[in-house]
Amino acid sequence: MLLFNRTYFLLTLLLFVTEVCIALFVHDNFVRPYIGDVLVVILIYCFVKSFLKVSVTKAAIAVLLFAFTVETLQYLAIVEKLGLENNKIAKIVIGTSFSWEDILAYIIGIVMVMVSERFISKQQTL
């Protein structure tokens, strides 16, 4: 089940750098909140696939459930309940506000993953 995949790891690093750049330098009402959320589930998916040999579907569903869980924790104001409202890292990683748009962005990101994986799989079998 454990297997290092260099391609997924390099994609993880690229997506992580992209997310950091968005967080530090993009202060708009579209790229940061929406594109960032689409990319974050792709980043987590690539990270999982970097180290675990699991099917596309299992990894995608697990990442989507994880994202939904984090969003639910935001709805429950977990950062405040844990007394971390002054912790900038906790606020960035966990987030502080629930949004249905975030849920939609996560779904879009996972759909992009699954379509990409299917396309790549078909190209490799040709």
C-alpha atoms as a PDB file:
ATOM      1  CA  MET A   1       0.000   0.000   0.000  1.00  0.00           C
ATOM      2  CA  LEU A   2       2.916   2.378   0.651  1.00  0.00           C
ATOM      3  CA  LEU A   3       4.639   3.434  -2.532  1.00  0.00           C
ATOM      4  CA  PHE A   4       6.480   6.645  -3.330  1.00  0.00           C
ATOM      5  CA  ASN A   5       5.359   8.218  -6.594  1.00  0.00           C
ATOM      6  CA  ARG A   6       7.704  10.956  -7.748  1.00  0.00           C
ATOM      7  CA  THR A   7       5.277  12.450 -10.285  1.00  0.00           C
ATOM      8  CA  TYR A   8       2.512  12.983  -7.747  1.00  0.00           C
ATOM      9  CA  PHE A   9       5.051  14.309  -5.240  1.00  0.00           C
ATOM     10  CA  LEU A  10       6.352  16.877  -7.731  1.00  0.00           C
ATOM     11  CA  LEU A  11       2.760  17.901  -8.499  1.00  0.00           C
ATOM     12  CA  THR A  12       2.179  18.247  -4.749  1.00  0.00           C
ATOM     13  CA  LEU A  13       5.167  20.571  -4.428  1.00  0.00           C
ATOM     14  CA  LEU A  14       4.087  22.631  -7.442  1.00  0.00           C
ATOM     15  CA  LEU A  15       0.542  22.977  -6.120  1.00  0.00           C
ATOM     16  CA  PHE A  16       1.797  23.821  -2.625  1.00  0.00           C
ATOM     17  CA  VAL A  17       4.004  26.625  -3.976  1.00  0.00           C
ATOM     18  CA  THR A  18       1.059  27.859  -6.049  1.00  0.00           C
ATOM     19  CA  GLU A  19      -1.209  27.875  -2.990  1.00  0.00           C
ATOM     20  CA  VAL A  20       1.384  29.744  -0.927  1.00  0.00           C
ATOM     21  CA  CYS A  21       1.758  32.343  -3.682  1.00  0.00           C
ATOM     22  CA  ILE A  22      -2.013  32.752  -3.866  1.00  0.00           C
ATOM     23  CA  ALA A  23      -2.199  33.147  -0.076  1.00  0.00           C
ATOM     24  CA  LEU A  24       0.626  35.693   0.045  1.00  0.00           C
ATOM     25  CA  PHE A  25       0.138  37.724  -3.105  1.00  0.00           C
ATOM     26  CA  VAL A  26      -3.434  37.404  -4.363  1.00  0.00           C
ATOM     27  CA  HIS A  27      -6.014  39.447  -2.499  1.00  0.00           C
ATOM     28  CA  ASP A  28      -9.066  39.319  -4.710  1.00  0.00           C
ATOM     29  CA  ASN A  29     -12.585  37.955  -4.556  1.00  0.00           C
ATOM     30  CA  PHE A  30     -12.183  35.098  -7.026  1.00  0.00           C
ATOM     31  CA  VAL A  31      -8.746  33.460  -7.314  1.00  0.00           C
ATOM     32  CA  ARG A  32      -7.958  33.284  -3.624  1.00  0.00           C
ATOM     33  CA  PRO A  33     -11.316  32.032  -2.343  1.00  0.00           C
ATOM     34  CA  TYR A  34     -12.434  29.860  -5.262  1.00  0.00           C
ATOM     35  CA  ILE A  35      -9.441  28.777  -7.330  1.00  0.00           C
ATOM     36  CA  GLY A  36      -7.493  28.256  -4.112  1.00  0.00           C
ATOM     37  CA  ASP A  37     -10.194  25.881  -2.844  1.00  0.00           C
ATOM     38  CA  VAL A  38     -10.299  23.987  -6.144  1.00  0.00           C
ATOM     39  CA  LEU A  39      -6.521  23.607  -6.046  1.00  0.00           C
ATOM     40  CA  VAL A  40      -6.319  22.585  -2.391  1.00  0.00           C
ATOM     41  CA  VAL A  41      -8.235  19.345  -2.921  1.00  0.00           C
ATOM     42  CA  ILE A  42      -6.071  18.581  -5.949  1.00  0.00           C
ATOM     43  CA  LEU A  43      -2.996  19.246  -3.788  1.00  0.00           C
ATOM     44  CA  ILE A  44      -4.220  16.902  -1.047  1.00  0.00           C
ATOM     45  CA  TYR A  45      -5.108  14.245  -3.635  1.00  0.00           C
ATOM     46  CA  CYS A  46      -1.613  14.440  -5.160  1.00  0.00           C
ATOM     47  CA  PHE A  47      -0.076  14.256  -1.677  1.00  0.00           C
ATOM     48  CA  VAL A  48      -2.066  11.100  -0.874  1.00  0.00           C
ATOM     49  CA  LYS A  49      -1.138   9.526  -4.206  1.00  0.00           C
ATOM     50  CA  SER A  50       2.529  10.450  -3.575  1.00  0.00           C
ATOM     51  CA  PHE A  51       2.760   7.884  -0.799  1.00  0.00           C
ATOM     52  CA  LEU A  52      -0.192   5.503  -1.034  1.00  0.00           C
ATOM     53  CA  LYS A  53      -1.050   3.071  -3.794  1.00  0.00           C
ATOM     54  CA  VAL A  54      -4.829   3.449  -3.758  1.00  0.00           C
ATOM     55  CA  SER A  55      -7.341   3.702  -6.540  1.00  0.00           C
ATOM     56  CA  VAL A  56      -8.258   7.053  -8.023  1.00  0.00           C
ATOM     57  CA  THR A  57     -11.816   6.707  -6.758  1.00  0.00           C
ATOM     58  CA  LYS A  58     -10.852   5.802  -3.179  1.00  0.00           C
ATOM     59  CA  ALA A  59      -8.312   8.611  -2.952  1.00  0.00           C
ATOM     60  CA  ALA A  60     -10.705  11.139  -4.488  1.00  0.00           C
ATOM     61  CA  ILE A  61     -13.560  10.206  -2.170  1.00  0.00           C
ATOM     62  CA  ALA A  62     -11.286  10.260   0.883  1.00  0.00           C
ATOM     63  CA  VAL A  63      -9.960  13.719  -0.018  1.00  0.00           C
ATOM     64  CA  LEU A  64     -13.461  15.033  -0.668  1.00  0.00           C
ATOM     65  CA  LEU A  65     -14.714  13.678   2.663  1.00  0.00           C
ATOM     66  CA  PHE A  66     -11.712  15.251   4.394  1.00  0.00           C
ATOM     67  CA  ALA A  67     -12.474  18.614   2.771  1.00  0.00           C
ATOM     68  CA  PHE A  68     -16.138  18.335   3.767  1.00  0.00           C
ATOM     69  CA  THR A  69     -15.063  17.526   7.335  1.00  0.00           C
ATOM     70  CA  VAL A  70     -12.848  20.611   7.513  1.00  0.00           C
ATOM     71  CA  GLU A  71     -15.686  22.734   6.134  1.00  0.00           C
ATOM     72  CA  THR A  72     -18.053  21.255   8.739  1.00  0.00           C
ATOM     73  CA  LEU A  73     -15.543  22.101  11.469  1.00  0.00           C
ATOM     74  CA  GLN A  74     -15.574  25.671  10.169  1.00  0.00           C
ATOM     75  CA  TYR A  75     -19.372  25.683  10.442  1.00  0.00           C
ATOM     76  CA  LEU A  76     -19.011  24.519  14.050  1.00  0.00           C
ATOM     77  CA  ALA A  77     -16.470  27.312  14.727  1.00  0.00           C
ATOM     78  CA  ILE A  78     -13.865  24.795  15.873  1.00  0.00           C
ATOM     79  CA  VAL A  79     -11.027  27.334  15.795  1.00  0.00           C
ATOM     80  CA  GLU A  80     -12.786  29.472  18.402  1.00  0.00           C
ATOM     81  CA  LYS A  81     -13.903  26.451  20.459  1.00  0.00           C
ATOM     82  CA  LEU A  82     -10.296  25.278  20.645  1.00  0.00           C
ATOM     83  CA  GLY A  83      -9.154  28.765  21.663  1.00  0.00           C
ATOM     84  CA  LEU A  84      -7.082  29.196  18.503  1.00  0.00           C
ATOM     85  CA  GLU A  85      -8.688  32.372  17.169  1.00  0.00           C
ATOM     86  CA  ASN A  86      -5.391  34.234  17.668  1.00  0.00           C
ATOM     87  CA  ASN A  87      -3.345  31.494  15.974  1.00  0.00           C
ATOM     88  CA  LYS A  88      -2.800  32.613  12.372  1.00  0.00           C
ATOM     89  CA  ILE A  89      -1.674  29.180  11.172  1.00  0.00           C
ATOM     90  CA  ALA A  90      -4.737  27.449  12.648  1.00  0.00           C
ATOM     91  CA  LYS A  91      -6.992  30.043  11.051  1.00  0.00           C
ATOM     92  CA  ILE A  92      -5.329  29.526   7.650  1.00  0.00           C
ATOM     93  CA  VAL A  93      -5.189  25.713   7.759  1.00  0.00           C
ATOM     94  CA  ILE A  94      -8.603  25.037   9.300  1.00  0.00           C
ATOM     95  CA  GLY A  95     -10.351  28.193   8.187  1.00  0.00           C
ATOM     96  CA  THR A  96     -12.932  30.172  10.051  1.00  0.00           C
ATOM     97  CA  SER A  97     -16.062  30.439   7.954  1.00  0.00           C
ATOM     98  CA  PHE A  98     -18.317  27.839   6.382  1.00  0.00           C
ATOM     99  CA  SER A  99     -19.310  28.405   2.771  1.00  0.00           C
ATOM    100  CA  TRP A 100     -21.422  26.415   0.333  1.00  0.00           C
ATOM    101  CA  GLU A 101     -19.236  27.901  -2.396  1.00  0.00           C
ATOM    102  CA  ASP A 102     -16.242  26.155  -0.808  1.00  0.00           C
ATOM    103  CA  ILE A 103     -18.090  22.837  -0.941  1.00  0.00           C
ATOM    104  CA  LEU A 104     -18.782  23.432  -4.639  1.00  0.00           C
ATOM    105  CA  ALA A 105     -15.124  24.349  -5.247  1.00  0.00           C
ATOM    106  CA  TYR A 106     -13.998  21.103  -3.574  1.00  0.00           C
ATOM    107  CA  ILE A 107     -16.374  19.097  -5.755  1.00  0.00           C
ATOM    108  CA  ILE A 108     -15.111  20.867  -8.882  1.00  0.00           C
ATOM    109  CA  GLY A 109     -11.516  20.119  -7.873  1.00  0.00           C
ATOM    110  CA  ILE A 110     -12.216  16.422  -7.349  1.00  0.00           C
ATOM    111  CA  VAL A 111     -14.149  16.189 -10.627  1.00  0.00           C
ATOM    112  CA  MET A 112     -11.128  17.746 -12.351  1.00  0.00           C
ATOM    113  CA  VAL A 113      -8.907  15.112 -10.725  1.00  0.00           C
ATOM    114  CA  MET A 114     -11.115  12.246 -11.811  1.00  0.00           C
ATOM    115  CA  VAL A 115     -11.473  13.532 -15.387  1.00  0.00           C
ATOM    116  CA  SER A 116      -7.709  14.110 -15.608  1.00  0.00           C
ATOM    117  CA  GLU A 117      -6.908  10.666 -14.228  1.00  0.00           C
ATOM    118  CA  ARG A 118      -9.331   9.031 -16.672  1.00  0.00           C
ATOM    119  CA  PHE A 119      -7.829  10.973 -19.598  1.00  0.00           C
ATOM    120  CA  ILE A 120      -4.267  10.074 -18.559  1.00  0.00           C
ATOM    121  CA  SER A 121      -5.254   6.443 -18.076  1.00  0.00           C
ATOM    122  CA  LYS A 122      -6.769   6.293 -21.566  1.00  0.00           C
ATOM    123  CA  GLN A 123      -3.676   7.931 -23.081  1.00  0.00           C
ATOM    124  CA  GLN A 124      -1.399   5.382 -21.412  1.00  0.00           C
ATOM    125  CA  THR A 125      -3.383   2.457 -22.793  1.00  0.00           C
ATOM    126  CA  LEU A 126      -3.115   3.697 -26.378  1.00  0.00           C
END
